[in-house]
Amino acid sequence: MINLRISKYNPKNRDNSNNYLEEDWISYSDIGKVFNNKTLTKSLYLDMENRYINSILVFLNFFDISTISLTNLEKYHYKENTDKELNKIFEEVNNNDILSLNNIKHYIRLALRGYIWCEFHSANKIKISFGYDYYIYISILVNSIQKITPIINNVENLGLYLEEIDNYPIENSDAPSVQD
């Protein structure tokens, strides 16, 4: 089993304790704020959000996963009228929903924006969750990082960083583990 972290943060900018050293935005609510003398616009945010969504789709397509379970759902306050389609999905989402690849994008978007927290998992192949500060965590059933070289290349081509980590960081997960 391999545990991974996907982010927009260059690992070269971490200290020995793995803390990220540069000032950067971490949330949808940061739109309009200035980071490193650059204003985070909605357009810049959506570009990065779409990269994150595409990185998850890279994994699901590589492992030929067509449906995925949404578990451990927590709903937070949703800002009404920001996006009518997302608002409808937010209202209708339930724990243990089975999602197709056609509609998973909306649920990832809600999670990245902090309106829900959940895990996605599929038949002991993959587990995906979302961390603070705009991280995605993935646990997959492979015994060597070399087996997912095409995934690594695709994620890096999206301008994201994929790092192998020691443990899946979500302690209280009720989702099935990814095991041999």
Protein backbone atom coordinates (compact mmCIF):
# COMPACT_ATOMS: atom_id res chain seq x y z
CA MET A 1 0.00 0.00 0.00
CA ILE A 2 1.24 3.48 -0.87
CA ASN A 3 0.09 6.74 0.74
CA LEU A 4 0.36 9.95 -1.24
CA ARG A 5 -0.22 13.66 -0.84
CA ILE A 6 -1.13 15.89 -3.78
CA SER A 7 -0.72 19.63 -3.53
CA LYS A 8 0.25 22.82 -5.30
CA TYR A 9 3.11 23.25 -2.82
CA ASN A 10 6.65 22.63 -4.04
CA PRO A 11 8.33 20.21 -1.60
CA LYS A 12 11.58 22.18 -1.98
CA ASN A 13 9.91 24.95 0.06
CA ARG A 14 9.47 22.80 3.20
CA ASP A 15 11.59 22.83 6.31
CA ASN A 16 12.92 19.75 8.12
CA SER A 17 9.62 19.44 10.00
CA ASN A 18 7.72 19.38 6.69
CA ASN A 19 6.21 22.85 7.21
CA TYR A 20 5.63 24.87 4.06
CA LEU A 21 7.70 28.05 4.27
CA GLU A 22 6.12 30.32 1.65
CA GLU A 23 2.98 32.36 2.04
CA ASP A 24 0.21 30.94 -0.17
CA TRP A 25 -3.55 30.76 -0.30
CA ILE A 26 -5.25 27.73 1.24
CA SER A 27 -8.96 28.19 0.65
CA TYR A 28 -11.72 29.34 -1.68
CA SER A 29 -12.39 32.07 0.90
CA ASP A 30 -8.94 33.54 0.10
CA ILE A 31 -10.15 34.84 -3.29
CA GLY A 32 -9.44 38.56 -3.41
CA LYS A 33 -6.55 38.39 -0.94
CA VAL A 34 -2.92 39.09 -1.83
CA PHE A 35 -0.20 36.43 -1.54
CA ASN A 36 3.41 37.13 -2.56
CA ASN A 37 2.29 40.41 -4.15
CA LYS A 38 -0.31 38.68 -6.32
CA THR A 39 -4.07 38.82 -5.86
CA LEU A 40 -5.85 35.48 -5.90
CA THR A 41 -8.63 35.97 -8.45
CA LYS A 42 -11.57 33.63 -8.93
CA SER A 43 -10.10 32.67 -12.30
CA LEU A 44 -6.74 31.71 -10.75
CA TYR A 45 -8.52 29.78 -8.02
CA LEU A 46 -10.71 27.87 -10.49
CA ASP A 47 -7.68 26.99 -12.61
CA MET A 48 -6.00 25.34 -9.60
CA GLU A 49 -9.23 23.73 -8.41
CA ASN A 50 -9.67 22.15 -11.84
CA ARG A 51 -6.11 20.81 -11.71
CA TYR A 52 -6.86 19.14 -8.38
CA ILE A 53 -10.05 17.63 -9.77
CA ASN A 54 -8.18 16.36 -12.81
CA SER A 55 -5.48 14.83 -10.60
CA ILE A 56 -8.10 12.68 -8.87
CA LEU A 57 -9.58 11.70 -12.22
CA VAL A 58 -6.10 10.60 -13.35
CA PHE A 59 -6.03 8.10 -10.46
CA LEU A 60 -9.56 6.86 -11.02
CA ASN A 61 -9.01 6.38 -14.75
CA PHE A 62 -5.66 4.64 -14.22
CA PHE A 63 -7.28 2.10 -11.89
CA ASP A 64 -10.33 1.81 -14.17
CA ILE A 65 -12.72 2.96 -11.45
CA SER A 66 -16.09 4.03 -12.82
CA THR A 67 -17.96 4.54 -9.52
CA ILE A 68 -16.78 5.52 -6.08
CA SER A 69 -18.42 5.67 -2.64
CA LEU A 70 -18.66 8.89 -0.67
CA THR A 71 -18.27 8.16 3.07
CA ASN A 72 -17.77 9.94 6.39
CA LEU A 73 -19.69 12.95 5.11
CA GLU A 74 -19.63 16.14 7.14
CA LYS A 75 -21.55 19.15 5.86
CA TYR A 76 -20.58 22.70 6.74
CA HIS A 77 -22.24 26.02 5.99
CA TYR A 78 -22.75 26.57 2.28
CA LYS A 79 -22.84 30.13 0.99
CA GLU A 80 -26.20 30.31 -0.74
CA ASN A 81 -26.39 31.49 -4.35
CA THR A 82 -22.66 31.20 -5.05
CA ASP A 83 -23.36 28.42 -7.53
CA LYS A 84 -26.88 27.06 -7.97
CA GLU A 85 -25.72 23.66 -9.26
CA LEU A 86 -23.32 23.18 -6.34
CA ASN A 87 -25.99 24.40 -3.93
CA LYS A 88 -28.38 21.69 -5.19
CA ILE A 89 -25.70 19.00 -4.91
CA PHE A 90 -24.80 20.20 -1.42
CA GLU A 91 -28.44 19.90 -0.33
CA GLU A 92 -28.84 16.42 -1.83
CA VAL A 93 -25.52 14.74 -0.92
CA ASN A 94 -25.75 11.88 1.55
CA ASN A 95 -23.30 9.63 3.28
CA ASN A 96 -22.64 6.42 1.32
CA ASP A 97 -23.73 7.91 -2.01
CA ILE A 98 -22.28 6.08 -5.00
CA LEU A 99 -20.86 8.56 -7.50
CA SER A 100 -20.00 8.14 -11.15
CA LEU A 101 -16.98 9.76 -12.73
CA ASN A 102 -19.41 12.05 -14.56
CA ASN A 103 -20.55 13.76 -11.38
CA ILE A 104 -17.68 13.30 -8.91
CA LYS A 105 -16.21 16.66 -9.97
CA HIS A 106 -18.96 18.55 -8.14
CA TYR A 107 -18.33 16.68 -4.89
CA ILE A 108 -14.58 17.23 -5.12
CA ARG A 109 -15.28 20.93 -5.70
CA LEU A 110 -17.47 21.08 -2.57
CA ALA A 111 -14.73 19.36 -0.55
CA LEU A 112 -11.94 21.60 -1.86
CA ARG A 113 -14.00 24.67 -1.02
CA GLY A 114 -14.58 23.43 2.51
CA TYR A 115 -18.35 23.03 2.27
CA ILE A 116 -18.15 19.29 2.92
CA TRP A 117 -15.56 16.87 4.20
CA CYS A 118 -15.69 13.29 3.05
CA GLU A 119 -13.70 10.35 1.84
CA PHE A 120 -14.02 8.57 -1.47
CA HIS A 121 -13.21 4.89 -1.70
CA SER A 122 -13.56 2.09 -4.19
CA ALA A 123 -13.47 -1.66 -3.53
CA ASN A 124 -10.22 -1.70 -1.56
CA LYS A 125 -8.34 -0.10 -4.49
CA ILE A 126 -8.21 3.53 -3.46
CA LYS A 127 -9.12 5.91 -0.65
CA ILE A 128 -9.14 9.68 -1.13
CA SER A 129 -9.62 12.45 1.43
CA PHE A 130 -9.07 16.16 1.74
CA GLY A 131 -6.84 17.87 4.27
CA TYR A 132 -6.50 21.35 5.63
CA ASP A 133 -4.51 23.86 3.63
CA TYR A 134 -5.60 22.46 0.27
CA TYR A 135 -4.16 18.95 0.35
CA ILE A 136 -5.49 15.72 -1.13
CA TYR A 137 -4.51 12.41 0.46
CA ILE A 138 -4.67 9.15 -1.45
CA SER A 139 -4.03 5.61 -0.34
CA ILE A 140 -3.70 3.01 -3.11
CA LEU A 141 -3.12 -0.70 -3.25
CA VAL A 142 0.20 -1.02 -5.04
CA ASN A 143 3.45 -2.30 -3.65
CA SER A 144 5.78 0.02 -5.55
CA ILE A 145 5.67 3.68 -6.49
CA GLN A 146 7.15 2.71 -9.87
CA LYS A 147 3.87 1.00 -10.76
CA ILE A 148 2.16 4.39 -10.86
CA THR A 149 4.76 6.29 -12.87
CA PRO A 150 2.16 7.30 -15.49
CA ILE A 151 0.02 8.81 -12.73
CA ILE A 152 2.97 10.70 -11.30
CA ASN A 153 3.82 12.10 -14.73
CA ASN A 154 0.20 13.16 -15.38
CA VAL A 155 -0.16 14.84 -11.99
CA GLU A 156 3.14 16.68 -12.43
CA ASN A 157 2.04 17.76 -15.93
CA LEU A 158 -0.93 19.41 -14.21
CA GLY A 159 1.57 21.55 -12.28
CA LEU A 160 0.95 19.72 -9.00
CA TYR A 161 3.24 17.83 -6.67
CA LEU A 162 2.74 14.23 -5.67
CA GLU A 163 4.64 13.12 -2.57
CA GLU A 164 4.81 9.70 -0.97
CA ILE A 165 4.01 9.93 2.75
CA ASP A 166 4.40 7.39 5.55
CA ASN A 167 0.78 7.19 6.70
CA TYR A 168 -2.69 8.05 5.53
CA PRO A 169 -3.26 11.08 7.78
CA ILE A 170 -6.94 10.69 8.62
CA GLU A 171 -7.06 8.92 11.98
CA ASN A 172 -10.80 8.46 12.50
CA SER A 173 -11.73 7.12 9.11
CA ASP A 174 -14.57 4.61 8.98
CA ALA A 175 -13.99 4.02 5.28
CA PRO A 176 -12.67 0.59 4.37
CA SER A 177 -8.92 0.49 4.39
CA VAL A 178 -6.91 -0.24 1.31
CA GLN A 179 -5.28 -3.58 2.02
CA ASP A 180 -3.69 -6.53 0.30
